[in-house]
Amino acid sequence: MAMFKRSTTSAKGFDWSGLGWMFLFFWYFSGITQLLIQLTGTSGFSGFRQAFFMSALWLAPMLLFPRRARLIAALIGVVLWACSMASLGYFFIYQQEFSQSVIFIMFESNISEAGEYATQYFAWWIVLAFLAHTAMAIFLWTRVHPVYLPRGQAMLAAAAIVIAIIGYPLVKQIARTDSMELAIDRFETRIEPAVPWQMIVAYRRYTEQLDNMQGMLDSVSKIPPLTNLKDSMAGQPSTLVLVIGESTNRQRMSLYGYPRNTTPELDKLRDQLAVFDNVITPRPYTIEALQQVLTFADEESPDLYLKTPSLVSVMKQAGYKTFWITNQQTMTKRNTMLTTFSEQADEQVYLNNNRNQNARQYDGDVLEPFAKAMADTAERKFIVVHLLGTHMSYQYRYPPTFDKFTDRQGVPAGVSDDQLPTYNSYDNAVLYNDFVVASLIKDYAKTDPNGFLLYLSDHGEDVYDSAGHNTLGRNEGKPTAPMYTIPFMAWASPKWRESHDWNFAGDLQRPYKSSQLIHTWADMAGITFDELDHSKSLISDSFKARPLMIGDPYARQQKPLIDFSLLAPKKPDPANVVVK
């Protein structure tokens, strides 16, 4: 067999062909999925690059033990093949990259649910694709043959590979951070796109976050219920919906006066909506904001989210069956708190299991599980829908059919040509968010419910909006108004309006911070309890306007909170907008 003839370093030079076939064999198992991710625009290039480098690690044992090269390749290849089948199959079905969130979903599902998934997503083309994937792997294995080096050179080459791929990046991360835990976490992020590390890292992170979440849930279970809770709707059928957006700045919504028509569907519903136009978020980050928005915590008592019931717990105590539908990532270090909130609900639907936030994931996916929750036979339902909204990277937040804003019409003159694509993609994301939120309202209305739907965003986003047009994203250390200004609106069914005072005309411009939402929600829902503060309810006659203080409440001794009025946005200047 000439193919397996012993090859050596000689006058003819090193056997680069043999080394190339080895690398291609190992790269194939990670590379095929990463290549599909690139071709479909599902995510960025970093995963492809990281998988490329990590695949070279397996060359080290091949150079050290050339006589057993094909056996070693086969043993490693079987493990890589098994892992690649899982990640490739997951991509075929969901167009998402495998992550620890998938592990969470797998272990949270029972055999019956697994059977339902298999039946729903089974397709013969997937079987054929798996066979083709396996056949190509076998073919590449047949091309693998030993590459011989003098023993000293082989050991030196293997050591160099391990140091370059494992040693140097790990030492670099340790030197850059003060925490070994953080250094390892960043290193794991680097190796995660490649199999089998994808499975190993995902499982390790899953167990770590599960322990953290379980600790939080155990603490939540010990929180005493609210005292003297009474529900004016007790015993009556009702369905209440809370829709939480993401990174959506109301200044970029035509519903709030933005010159571009970014919210055509909500604009059509305006006469049916109570649109509050002076609401801000307490903090410009999802977790930190929702710790206050969904609990009794605020800037004065930021730790109350650990000591008092969440909104989900309040609604359960009031006798509602609770649902949590989320298009946010599930099991990540940052999102453990969100998953803890969701796990307090009776039923959960997790839709986004991408490894990275910067991956294509559309909020339209929430519509089907929302319809299913609405059809649930429980007479009293509380449904939370958590959207991915207009989160970075904005081009991944909407399908091509919503790529409407591509030129300078309606764009401030100060936005540069380099900034324009990002500015436009954010407006397109707002446009798609409008479609999703309006669809939720319409689908809700079709069921003739007795209740209301309230929509707000967790925080805003500055996408070249503030003075100078140089700020992108969110930075609590350098706050700007767009990071805090959020949409806040409610729709009520005719049945609900008949039995509740829903005339908020005099309340729409009240200065308000979403950290007090739990008081407004209880007031809207007709729920009272001793802990309820009507002065913090946006719709109460007892409402008391307070300074809207923003900033990190844990660092207020070193850096005092800021009065948002110092950043308050101005109305768009028509003279500073490009029009045709």
Protein backbone atom coordinates (compact mmCIF):
# COMPACT_ATOMS: atom_id res chain seq x y z
CA MET A 1 0.00 0.00 0.00
CA ALA A 2 1.94 3.00 -1.28
CA MET A 3 -0.37 5.28 0.65
CA PHE A 4 0.99 4.07 3.99
CA LYS A 5 4.63 3.98 2.99
CA ARG A 6 6.95 5.29 5.69
CA SER A 7 7.71 8.96 5.07
CA THR A 8 10.63 10.80 6.60
CA THR A 9 12.39 14.14 6.55
CA SER A 10 14.95 13.89 3.81
CA ALA A 11 16.64 15.91 1.14
CA LYS A 12 13.30 16.09 -0.58
CA GLY A 13 11.97 18.07 2.41
CA PHE A 14 9.36 17.64 5.10
CA ASP A 15 6.19 15.65 4.39
CA TRP A 16 3.86 18.66 4.38
CA SER A 17 1.21 16.69 2.53
CA GLY A 18 0.97 14.14 5.32
CA LEU A 19 0.75 16.86 7.95
CA GLY A 20 -1.90 18.61 5.87
CA TRP A 21 -4.11 15.52 5.67
CA MET A 22 -3.80 15.02 9.42
CA PHE A 23 -4.86 18.58 10.14
CA LEU A 24 -7.72 18.48 7.63
CA PHE A 25 -9.04 15.27 9.25
CA PHE A 26 -9.12 16.79 12.74
CA TRP A 27 -10.34 20.20 11.56
CA TYR A 28 -13.22 18.68 9.63
CA PHE A 29 -15.23 17.72 12.72
CA SER A 30 -15.29 21.27 14.07
CA GLY A 31 -14.89 23.06 10.78
CA ILE A 32 -17.95 21.75 8.96
CA THR A 33 -20.37 23.26 11.48
CA GLN A 34 -18.39 26.49 11.76
CA LEU A 35 -18.30 26.73 7.97
CA LEU A 36 -22.08 26.38 7.80
CA ILE A 37 -22.39 29.07 10.48
CA GLN A 38 -20.29 31.36 8.30
CA LEU A 39 -22.13 30.60 5.06
CA THR A 40 -25.54 31.19 6.65
CA GLY A 41 -24.45 34.34 8.49
CA THR A 42 -25.58 32.83 11.79
CA SER A 43 -22.70 34.30 13.78
CA GLY A 44 -19.37 36.05 13.45
CA PHE A 45 -15.93 34.77 12.38
CA SER A 46 -14.39 34.22 15.81
CA GLY A 47 -15.80 30.70 16.26
CA PHE A 48 -14.44 29.61 12.89
CA ARG A 49 -11.00 31.03 13.69
CA GLN A 50 -10.85 29.47 17.16
CA ALA A 51 -11.94 26.06 15.89
CA PHE A 52 -9.23 26.24 13.22
CA PHE A 53 -6.44 26.76 15.74
CA MET A 54 -7.75 24.26 18.27
CA SER A 55 -7.87 21.50 15.66
CA ALA A 56 -4.09 21.66 15.33
CA LEU A 57 -3.72 20.42 18.92
CA TRP A 58 -4.28 16.81 17.81
CA LEU A 59 -1.17 16.92 15.64
CA ALA A 60 1.00 16.65 18.77
CA PRO A 61 0.31 12.95 19.57
CA MET A 62 0.47 12.14 15.87
CA LEU A 63 4.04 13.46 15.66
CA LEU A 64 5.09 11.84 18.94
CA PHE A 65 3.81 8.36 18.00
CA PRO A 66 3.98 8.15 14.19
CA ARG A 67 3.92 4.33 14.11
CA ARG A 68 0.42 4.40 15.62
CA ALA A 69 -0.74 7.49 13.75
CA ARG A 70 -3.75 5.90 12.06
CA LEU A 71 -4.89 4.16 15.28
CA ILE A 72 -4.54 7.40 17.27
CA ALA A 73 -6.37 9.30 14.52
CA ALA A 74 -9.16 6.72 14.59
CA LEU A 75 -9.57 6.85 18.39
CA ILE A 76 -9.57 10.65 18.52
CA GLY A 77 -11.69 10.78 15.37
CA VAL A 78 -14.48 8.65 16.86
CA VAL A 79 -14.81 11.04 19.82
CA LEU A 80 -14.71 14.10 17.56
CA TRP A 81 -17.21 12.50 15.17
CA ALA A 82 -19.70 11.76 17.95
CA CYS A 83 -19.48 15.33 19.25
CA SER A 84 -19.68 16.80 15.78
CA MET A 85 -22.83 14.79 15.03
CA ALA A 86 -24.52 16.41 18.03
CA SER A 87 -23.45 19.95 17.18
CA LEU A 88 -24.14 19.52 13.47
CA GLY A 89 -27.57 18.02 14.11
CA TYR A 90 -28.44 20.84 16.47
CA PHE A 91 -27.43 23.36 13.82
CA PHE A 92 -29.54 21.59 11.18
CA ILE A 93 -32.64 21.84 13.37
CA TYR A 94 -32.24 25.22 15.07
CA GLN A 95 -29.59 27.08 13.05
CA GLN A 96 -27.85 27.73 16.34
CA GLU A 97 -24.45 26.82 17.76
CA PHE A 98 -24.27 24.21 20.50
CA SER A 99 -23.79 25.66 24.01
CA GLN A 100 -24.31 24.95 27.71
CA SER A 101 -27.88 26.16 27.25
CA VAL A 102 -28.53 23.08 25.09
CA ILE A 103 -27.24 20.85 27.89
CA PHE A 104 -29.67 22.60 30.23
CA ILE A 105 -32.60 22.03 27.88
CA MET A 106 -31.62 18.38 27.38
CA PHE A 107 -31.52 17.64 31.10
CA GLU A 108 -34.69 19.65 31.76
CA SER A 109 -36.64 17.64 29.17
CA ASN A 110 -38.20 14.26 29.87
CA ILE A 111 -38.38 11.23 27.55
CA SER A 112 -41.83 12.19 26.31
CA GLU A 113 -40.69 15.70 25.38
CA ALA A 114 -37.59 14.29 23.67
CA GLY A 115 -39.83 12.00 21.62
CA GLU A 116 -42.00 14.94 20.62
CA TYR A 117 -38.95 16.89 19.46
CA ALA A 118 -37.64 13.93 17.48
CA THR A 119 -40.99 13.47 15.76
CA GLN A 120 -41.42 17.17 15.03
CA TYR A 121 -37.97 17.78 13.56
CA PHE A 122 -37.20 14.44 11.94
CA ALA A 123 -36.42 14.71 8.25
CA TRP A 124 -34.84 12.20 5.89
CA TRP A 125 -32.44 14.79 4.53
CA ILE A 126 -30.86 15.05 8.00
CA VAL A 127 -30.18 11.29 7.96
CA LEU A 128 -28.61 11.61 4.51
CA ALA A 129 -26.55 14.57 5.70
CA PHE A 130 -25.29 12.55 8.68
CA LEU A 131 -24.33 9.68 6.35
CA ALA A 132 -22.50 12.08 4.04
CA HIS A 133 -20.77 13.67 7.03
CA THR A 134 -19.62 10.25 8.25
CA ALA A 135 -18.52 9.13 4.80
CA MET A 136 -16.36 12.22 4.38
CA ALA A 137 -14.79 11.63 7.80
CA ILE A 138 -13.90 8.06 6.84
CA PHE A 139 -12.45 9.23 3.54
CA LEU A 140 -10.25 11.79 5.26
CA TRP A 141 -9.10 9.13 7.73
CA THR A 142 -7.95 6.93 4.85
CA ARG A 143 -5.69 9.77 3.73
CA VAL A 144 -3.97 9.98 7.11
CA HIS A 145 -0.49 8.45 7.16
CA PRO A 146 2.52 8.67 9.49
CA VAL A 147 4.82 11.65 9.35
CA TYR A 148 8.21 10.79 10.81
CA LEU A 149 10.61 13.22 12.44
CA PRO A 150 13.78 12.55 14.41
CA ARG A 151 12.72 11.93 18.01
CA GLY A 152 14.11 15.20 19.32
CA GLN A 153 12.45 17.24 16.59
CA ALA A 154 9.17 15.42 17.08
CA MET A 155 9.15 16.18 20.81
CA LEU A 156 10.07 19.80 20.15
CA ALA A 157 7.31 20.17 17.53
CA ALA A 158 4.69 18.56 19.77
CA ALA A 159 5.68 20.79 22.70
CA ALA A 160 5.53 23.88 20.49
CA ILE A 161 2.01 22.96 19.35
CA VAL A 162 0.75 22.46 22.91
CA ILE A 163 2.38 25.66 24.15
CA ALA A 164 1.07 27.73 21.23
CA ILE A 165 -2.50 26.44 21.44
CA ILE A 166 -2.93 25.80 25.18
CA GLY A 167 -0.04 27.18 27.23
CA TYR A 168 0.46 30.67 25.81
CA PRO A 169 -3.26 31.65 25.59
CA LEU A 170 -3.90 30.38 29.13
CA VAL A 171 -0.86 32.17 30.62
CA LYS A 172 -1.85 35.30 28.70
CA GLN A 173 -5.34 35.28 30.21
CA ILE A 174 -3.94 34.68 33.71
CA ALA A 175 -1.58 37.65 33.29
CA ARG A 176 -4.40 39.88 32.06
CA THR A 177 -6.85 39.18 34.87
CA ASP A 178 -6.74 39.28 38.65
CA SER A 179 -8.84 36.14 38.98
CA MET A 180 -7.86 32.61 38.02
CA GLU A 181 -11.56 31.81 37.63
CA LEU A 182 -12.01 34.64 35.11
CA ALA A 183 -8.86 33.63 33.24
CA ILE A 184 -10.07 30.04 32.89
CA ASP A 185 -13.51 31.27 31.83
CA ARG A 186 -12.01 33.37 29.04
CA PHE A 187 -9.75 30.54 27.98
CA GLU A 188 -12.73 28.20 27.80
CA THR A 189 -14.51 30.71 25.58
CA ARG A 190 -11.51 30.52 23.25
CA ILE A 191 -11.53 26.72 22.94
CA GLU A 192 -15.31 26.20 23.07
CA PRO A 193 -16.07 26.37 19.31
CA ALA A 194 -14.03 23.20 18.67
CA VAL A 195 -15.15 19.65 19.44
CA PRO A 196 -14.93 17.92 21.87
CA TRP A 197 -14.24 21.02 24.02
CA GLN A 198 -17.64 22.30 22.97
CA MET A 199 -19.29 19.48 24.95
CA ILE A 200 -16.80 19.50 27.82
CA VAL A 201 -16.93 23.25 28.41
CA ALA A 202 -20.70 23.31 27.93
CA TYR A 203 -21.23 20.58 30.52
CA ARG A 204 -18.81 22.12 33.03
CA ARG A 205 -20.43 25.53 32.72
CA TYR A 206 -23.87 23.99 32.89
CA THR A 207 -23.11 22.27 36.20
CA GLU A 208 -21.51 25.43 37.58
CA GLN A 209 -24.45 27.65 36.63
CA LEU A 210 -26.93 25.02 37.76
CA ASP A 211 -25.33 25.03 41.21
CA ASN A 212 -25.48 28.83 41.30
CA MET A 213 -29.09 28.86 40.13
CA GLN A 214 -30.10 26.14 42.58
CA GLY A 215 -28.56 28.16 45.38
CA MET A 216 -30.60 31.17 44.32
CA LEU A 217 -33.79 29.09 44.01
CA ASP A 218 -33.21 27.65 47.48
CA SER A 219 -32.88 31.19 48.81
CA VAL A 220 -36.02 32.26 46.94
CA SER A 221 -37.98 29.37 48.44
CA LYS A 222 -37.22 30.72 51.91
CA ILE A 223 -38.56 34.22 51.15
CA PRO A 224 -41.85 34.73 53.00
CA PRO A 225 -44.93 35.56 50.91
CA LEU A 226 -46.43 39.04 50.81
CA THR A 227 -48.68 39.91 53.72
CA ASN A 228 -52.43 40.39 53.38
CA LEU A 229 -52.44 39.89 49.62
CA LYS A 230 -55.87 40.47 48.10
CA ASP A 231 -56.90 40.24 44.45
CA SER A 232 -59.93 42.13 43.15
CA MET A 233 -60.09 39.59 40.30
CA ALA A 234 -59.98 36.56 42.61
CA GLY A 235 -62.04 33.70 41.20
CA GLN A 236 -62.47 35.37 37.81
CA PRO A 237 -60.77 34.25 34.58
CA SER A 238 -57.99 36.62 33.55
CA THR A 239 -54.80 36.55 31.50
CA LEU A 240 -52.08 39.13 32.11
CA VAL A 241 -48.99 39.48 29.92
CA LEU A 242 -45.65 41.18 30.55
CA VAL A 243 -43.41 41.64 27.50
CA ILE A 244 -39.81 42.58 28.32
CA GLY A 245 -37.79 44.07 25.47
CA GLU A 246 -34.04 44.38 25.17
CA SER A 247 -31.75 47.33 24.37
CA THR A 248 -34.55 49.37 22.80
CA ASN A 249 -34.25 53.15 23.04
CA ARG A 250 -37.64 54.81 22.68
CA GLN A 251 -36.00 57.79 20.96
CA ARG A 252 -35.59 55.57 17.91
CA MET A 253 -39.27 54.68 17.72
CA SER A 254 -41.65 56.68 15.50
CA LEU A 255 -44.30 56.00 18.15
CA TYR A 256 -42.31 58.43 20.31
CA GLY A 257 -41.65 61.02 17.61
CA TYR A 258 -38.60 59.63 15.78
CA PRO A 259 -38.68 60.92 12.18
CA ARG A 260 -38.09 57.52 10.60
CA ASN A 261 -41.10 55.20 10.46
CA THR A 262 -39.59 52.49 12.66
CA THR A 263 -42.81 51.43 14.44
CA PRO A 264 -45.53 51.35 11.77
CA GLU A 265 -47.52 48.55 13.44
CA LEU A 266 -47.55 50.11 16.90
CA ASP A 267 -48.36 53.46 15.31
CA LYS A 268 -51.54 51.87 13.91
CA LEU A 269 -52.45 50.67 17.41
CA ARG A 270 -51.66 53.97 19.11
CA ASP A 271 -55.30 54.84 19.87
CA GLN A 272 -55.60 51.53 21.73
CA LEU A 273 -52.40 51.93 23.71
CA ALA A 274 -51.49 53.79 26.87
CA VAL A 275 -48.08 55.11 25.79
CA PHE A 276 -46.01 56.45 28.69
CA ASP A 277 -43.28 58.76 27.41
CA ASN A 278 -41.19 59.68 30.45
CA VAL A 279 -40.01 56.29 31.76
CA ILE A 280 -36.36 55.35 32.23
CA THR A 281 -34.50 52.24 33.38
CA PRO A 282 -32.48 52.32 36.62
CA ARG A 283 -29.39 50.78 35.01
CA PRO A 284 -28.24 50.22 31.40
CA TYR A 285 -27.55 46.48 31.78
CA THR A 286 -30.06 43.63 31.55
CA ILE A 287 -29.32 41.68 34.73
CA GLU A 288 -28.73 44.71 36.94
CA ALA A 289 -31.88 46.40 35.60
CA LEU A 290 -34.19 43.39 35.88
CA GLN A 291 -33.04 42.65 39.43
CA GLN A 292 -34.87 45.85 40.25
CA VAL A 293 -37.61 45.82 37.59
CA LEU A 294 -38.93 42.38 38.59
CA THR A 295 -38.60 42.77 42.36
CA PHE A 296 -38.93 45.32 45.17
CA ALA A 297 -35.25 46.31 44.83
CA ASP A 298 -34.27 49.86 43.86
CA GLU A 299 -31.29 52.20 44.12
CA GLU A 300 -31.92 52.67 47.84
CA SER A 301 -32.14 48.92 48.59
CA PRO A 302 -30.47 47.07 45.69
CA ASP A 303 -30.26 43.74 47.55
CA LEU A 304 -34.01 43.39 48.04
CA TYR A 305 -34.17 41.13 44.98
CA LEU A 306 -32.59 38.50 47.25
CA LYS A 307 -34.97 39.07 50.16
CA THR A 308 -38.41 39.84 48.70
CA PRO A 309 -40.72 38.01 46.27
CA SER A 310 -40.29 38.52 42.54
CA LEU A 311 -43.16 39.52 40.29
CA VAL A 312 -43.53 35.87 39.26
CA SER A 313 -43.87 34.83 42.90
CA VAL A 314 -46.40 37.61 43.51
CA MET A 315 -48.58 36.39 40.65
CA LYS A 316 -48.33 32.79 41.82
CA GLN A 317 -49.40 33.87 45.28
CA ALA A 318 -52.38 35.63 43.65
CA GLY A 319 -53.44 32.31 42.11
CA TYR A 320 -52.15 32.67 38.55
CA LYS A 321 -50.53 29.90 36.55
CA THR A 322 -47.23 31.41 35.44
CA PHE A 323 -45.34 31.06 32.14
CA TRP A 324 -41.94 32.34 31.08
CA ILE A 325 -41.10 32.42 27.36
CA THR A 326 -37.63 33.71 26.57
CA ASN A 327 -35.55 34.33 23.48
CA GLN A 328 -32.59 35.33 25.65
CA GLN A 329 -29.65 33.01 26.23
CA THR A 330 -30.44 30.53 28.97
CA MET A 331 -27.49 29.12 30.92
CA THR A 332 -24.63 31.59 30.86
CA LYS A 333 -22.76 33.15 33.76
CA ARG A 334 -24.40 36.51 33.08
CA ASN A 335 -27.88 35.07 32.64
CA THR A 336 -28.07 32.83 35.71
CA MET A 337 -30.22 35.45 37.44
CA LEU A 338 -32.64 35.54 34.50
CA THR A 339 -32.91 31.76 34.47
CA THR A 340 -33.57 31.87 38.20
CA PHE A 341 -36.48 34.23 37.58
CA SER A 342 -37.79 31.98 34.80
CA GLU A 343 -37.49 28.82 36.90
CA GLN A 344 -39.86 30.35 39.45
CA ALA A 345 -42.61 30.11 36.81
CA ASP A 346 -44.77 27.00 36.45
CA GLU A 347 -43.76 26.52 32.81
CA GLN A 348 -40.76 27.72 30.83
CA VAL A 349 -39.92 27.88 27.14
CA TYR A 350 -36.26 28.52 26.25
CA LEU A 351 -35.73 29.40 22.60
CA ASN A 352 -32.20 30.81 22.37
CA ASN A 353 -29.42 28.32 23.03
CA ASN A 354 -26.72 30.07 21.03
CA ARG A 355 -23.22 30.14 22.46
CA ASN A 356 -22.84 33.82 21.56
CA GLN A 357 -25.26 36.73 21.80
CA ASN A 358 -23.86 37.88 18.47
CA ALA A 359 -25.74 35.23 16.55
CA ARG A 360 -28.78 35.32 14.31
CA GLN A 361 -31.84 34.77 16.45
CA TYR A 362 -35.27 36.22 15.65
CA ASP A 363 -37.91 37.18 18.20
CA GLY A 364 -40.66 35.94 15.91
CA ASP A 365 -39.92 32.54 17.45
CA VAL A 366 -41.83 33.58 20.60
CA LEU A 367 -45.18 33.85 18.79
CA GLU A 368 -45.92 30.12 18.62
CA PRO A 369 -45.18 29.30 22.30
CA PHE A 370 -47.08 32.46 23.27
CA ALA A 371 -50.15 31.21 21.40
CA LYS A 372 -49.77 27.85 23.13
CA ALA A 373 -49.60 29.52 26.56
CA MET A 374 -52.68 31.60 25.73
CA ALA A 375 -54.52 28.39 24.83
CA ASP A 376 -53.66 26.75 28.15
CA THR A 377 -56.77 25.64 30.03
CA ALA A 378 -55.84 27.49 33.24
CA GLU A 379 -58.42 30.19 33.91
CA ARG A 380 -55.90 32.60 35.42
CA LYS A 381 -52.60 33.00 33.59
CA PHE A 382 -49.59 35.28 33.91
CA ILE A 383 -47.27 35.15 30.89
CA VAL A 384 -43.82 36.73 30.66
CA VAL A 385 -42.30 37.04 27.19
CA HIS A 386 -38.64 38.08 27.23
CA LEU A 387 -37.40 39.26 23.84
CA LEU A 388 -33.90 39.60 22.45
CA GLY A 389 -35.16 42.89 21.02
CA THR A 390 -32.53 45.16 19.51
CA HIS A 391 -29.50 43.68 21.23
CA MET A 392 -26.10 43.88 19.56
CA SER A 393 -25.16 42.86 16.94
CA TYR A 394 -28.14 44.56 15.38
CA GLN A 395 -27.85 42.94 11.95
CA TYR A 396 -28.62 39.57 13.58
CA ARG A 397 -31.89 40.78 15.11
CA TYR A 398 -34.04 40.96 11.96
CA PRO A 399 -34.62 38.91 8.79
CA PRO A 400 -33.64 40.30 5.37
CA THR A 401 -37.24 41.35 4.64
CA PHE A 402 -36.90 44.03 7.34
CA ASP A 403 -33.74 45.56 5.88
CA LYS A 404 -35.61 48.78 5.08
CA PHE A 405 -33.29 51.57 6.21
CA THR A 406 -30.19 51.61 4.04
CA ASP A 407 -29.54 55.28 3.21
CA ARG A 408 -29.25 58.64 4.97
CA GLN A 409 -32.87 59.68 4.85
CA GLY A 410 -33.86 60.59 8.42
CA VAL A 411 -30.30 60.18 9.77
CA PRO A 412 -28.68 62.99 11.82
CA ALA A 413 -26.08 64.84 9.78
CA GLY A 414 -23.36 64.11 12.35
CA VAL A 415 -23.45 60.35 11.74
CA SER A 416 -20.40 59.42 9.65
CA ASP A 417 -20.32 57.12 6.64
CA ASP A 418 -18.55 54.48 8.74
CA GLN A 419 -21.25 54.68 11.41
CA LEU A 420 -24.17 54.66 8.98
CA PRO A 421 -24.51 50.86 8.48
CA THR A 422 -24.69 50.31 12.25
CA TYR A 423 -27.09 53.22 12.69
CA ASN A 424 -29.34 51.81 9.96
CA SER A 425 -29.18 48.22 11.23
CA TYR A 426 -30.35 49.39 14.66
CA ASP A 427 -33.37 51.10 13.08
CA ASN A 428 -34.11 47.90 11.15
CA ALA A 429 -33.92 45.97 14.44
CA VAL A 430 -36.39 48.45 15.97
CA LEU A 431 -38.63 47.93 12.93
CA TYR A 432 -38.66 44.16 13.44
CA ASN A 433 -39.17 44.58 17.18
CA ASP A 434 -42.23 46.67 16.32
CA PHE A 435 -43.58 43.78 14.24
CA VAL A 436 -43.04 41.27 17.06
CA VAL A 437 -44.52 43.40 19.85
CA ALA A 438 -47.51 44.41 17.71
CA SER A 439 -48.02 40.75 16.74
CA LEU A 440 -48.07 39.75 20.42
CA ILE A 441 -50.70 42.42 21.10
CA LYS A 442 -52.81 41.36 18.11
CA ASP A 443 -52.54 37.65 18.93
CA TYR A 444 -53.44 38.43 22.51
CA ALA A 445 -56.47 40.50 21.43
CA LYS A 446 -57.74 37.71 19.15
CA THR A 447 -58.34 35.46 22.15
CA ASP A 448 -60.81 37.98 23.63
CA PRO A 449 -58.97 37.91 26.98
CA ASN A 450 -59.90 39.52 30.23
CA GLY A 451 -56.69 41.32 31.04
CA PHE A 452 -53.90 43.57 29.80
CA LEU A 453 -50.49 43.37 28.14
CA LEU A 454 -47.66 45.64 29.27
CA TYR A 455 -44.48 46.15 27.25
CA LEU A 456 -41.25 47.80 28.36
CA SER A 457 -37.57 47.42 27.53
CA ASP A 458 -34.96 46.44 30.11
CA HIS A 459 -32.76 49.39 29.09
CA GLY A 460 -31.96 51.57 26.10
CA GLU A 461 -28.98 51.78 23.78
CA ASP A 462 -26.93 54.67 22.40
CA VAL A 463 -26.32 54.06 18.71
CA TYR A 464 -24.63 57.32 17.72
CA ASP A 465 -27.61 59.26 19.15
CA SER A 466 -26.07 61.55 21.75
CA ALA A 467 -24.08 64.72 21.19
CA GLY A 468 -21.07 64.16 18.97
CA HIS A 469 -22.53 60.91 17.62
CA ASN A 470 -19.53 58.92 18.87
CA THR A 471 -21.15 56.64 21.46
CA LEU A 472 -22.14 53.07 20.66
CA GLY A 473 -23.71 50.75 23.24
CA ARG A 474 -23.98 51.32 26.99
CA ASN A 475 -21.54 52.51 29.62
CA GLU A 476 -22.74 53.32 33.12
CA GLY A 477 -19.47 55.16 33.74
CA LYS A 478 -20.23 57.54 30.86
CA PRO A 479 -24.02 57.67 30.78
CA THR A 480 -26.08 59.22 28.01
CA ALA A 481 -29.85 59.61 27.81
CA PRO A 482 -30.43 56.97 25.08
CA MET A 483 -29.00 54.29 27.38
CA TYR A 484 -31.87 54.88 29.83
CA THR A 485 -34.91 56.05 27.85
CA ILE A 486 -37.18 53.06 27.31
CA PRO A 487 -40.59 52.37 25.77
CA PHE A 488 -43.36 51.69 28.27
CA MET A 489 -46.89 50.98 27.05
CA ALA A 490 -49.96 48.93 27.88
CA TRP A 491 -52.95 47.50 26.01
CA ALA A 492 -56.13 46.33 27.77
CA SER A 493 -58.96 44.20 26.44
CA PRO A 494 -62.54 45.56 26.28
CA LYS A 495 -63.53 43.18 29.08
CA TRP A 496 -60.81 44.53 31.35
CA ARG A 497 -61.68 48.14 30.57
CA GLU A 498 -65.28 47.52 31.54
CA SER A 499 -64.33 46.58 35.09
CA HIS A 500 -61.20 48.71 35.61
CA ASP A 501 -60.30 52.37 35.41
CA TRP A 502 -58.08 52.43 32.32
CA ASN A 503 -58.03 56.16 31.66
CA PHE A 504 -54.36 57.10 32.06
CA ALA A 505 -54.41 60.32 29.99
CA GLY A 506 -53.15 62.37 32.91
CA ASP A 507 -50.43 59.86 33.82
CA LEU A 508 -48.60 59.41 30.52
CA GLN A 509 -45.94 62.07 31.08
CA ARG A 510 -45.18 61.32 34.72
CA PRO A 511 -41.43 60.91 35.43
CA TYR A 512 -40.95 57.27 36.32
CA LYS A 513 -38.29 54.62 36.74
CA SER A 514 -38.97 50.99 35.86
CA SER A 515 -37.41 49.83 39.14
CA GLN A 516 -40.84 50.58 40.64
CA LEU A 517 -42.69 48.42 38.11
CA ILE A 518 -43.92 45.88 40.66
CA HIS A 519 -46.03 48.58 42.32
CA THR A 520 -47.53 49.74 39.01
CA TRP A 521 -48.18 46.17 37.90
CA ALA A 522 -49.97 45.29 41.12
CA ASP A 523 -52.07 48.45 40.80
CA MET A 524 -53.00 47.61 37.20
CA ALA A 525 -53.80 44.00 38.12
CA GLY A 526 -56.00 44.95 41.07
CA ILE A 527 -53.73 43.28 43.61
CA THR A 528 -53.03 44.79 47.02
CA PHE A 529 -50.71 43.79 49.86
CA ASP A 530 -49.08 45.50 52.80
CA GLU A 531 -45.80 46.02 50.93
CA LEU A 532 -47.51 47.88 48.06
CA ASP A 533 -46.54 51.56 47.86
CA HIS A 534 -49.15 53.46 45.83
CA SER A 535 -46.85 56.48 45.65
CA LYS A 536 -44.58 54.34 43.44
CA SER A 537 -47.41 53.32 41.11
CA LEU A 538 -47.36 55.20 37.81
CA ILE A 539 -51.17 55.07 37.51
CA SER A 540 -52.14 55.79 41.12
CA ASP A 541 -53.76 58.99 42.32
CA SER A 542 -51.25 58.79 45.17
CA PHE A 543 -48.27 58.81 42.79
CA LYS A 544 -45.33 60.87 43.99
CA ALA A 545 -42.80 62.18 41.49
CA ARG A 546 -39.24 61.47 42.62
CA PRO A 547 -35.84 62.42 41.20
CA LEU A 548 -34.83 59.80 38.64
CA MET A 549 -31.46 58.75 40.02
CA ILE A 550 -29.25 56.47 37.93
CA GLY A 551 -25.92 54.74 38.49
CA ASP A 552 -24.42 51.81 40.36
CA PRO A 553 -26.08 51.68 43.81
CA TYR A 554 -23.27 49.46 45.12
CA ALA A 555 -20.64 52.07 44.30
CA ARG A 556 -22.56 55.14 45.42
CA GLN A 557 -20.07 55.90 48.18
CA GLN A 558 -17.26 56.23 45.64
CA LYS A 559 -19.38 57.59 42.78
CA PRO A 560 -22.70 59.25 43.69
CA LEU A 561 -25.82 58.53 41.69
CA ILE A 562 -26.74 61.00 38.93
CA ASP A 563 -30.04 62.81 38.44
CA PHE A 564 -31.25 61.74 35.01
CA SER A 565 -32.69 65.20 34.39
CA LEU A 566 -29.11 66.30 33.71
CA LEU A 567 -29.06 63.92 30.72
CA ALA A 568 -32.70 64.25 29.66
CA PRO A 569 -33.09 64.02 25.87
CA LYS A 570 -34.22 66.88 23.71
CA LYS A 571 -36.81 66.65 20.97
CA PRO A 572 -35.34 65.80 17.53
CA ASP A 573 -34.24 68.92 15.66
CA PRO A 574 -35.73 68.76 12.14
CA ALA A 575 -32.96 71.04 10.91
CA ASN A 576 -30.37 68.43 11.88
CA VAL A 577 -31.96 65.55 9.98
CA VAL A 578 -31.14 64.57 6.42
CA VAL A 579 -34.27 64.39 4.27
CA LYS A 580 -34.90 63.90 0.60
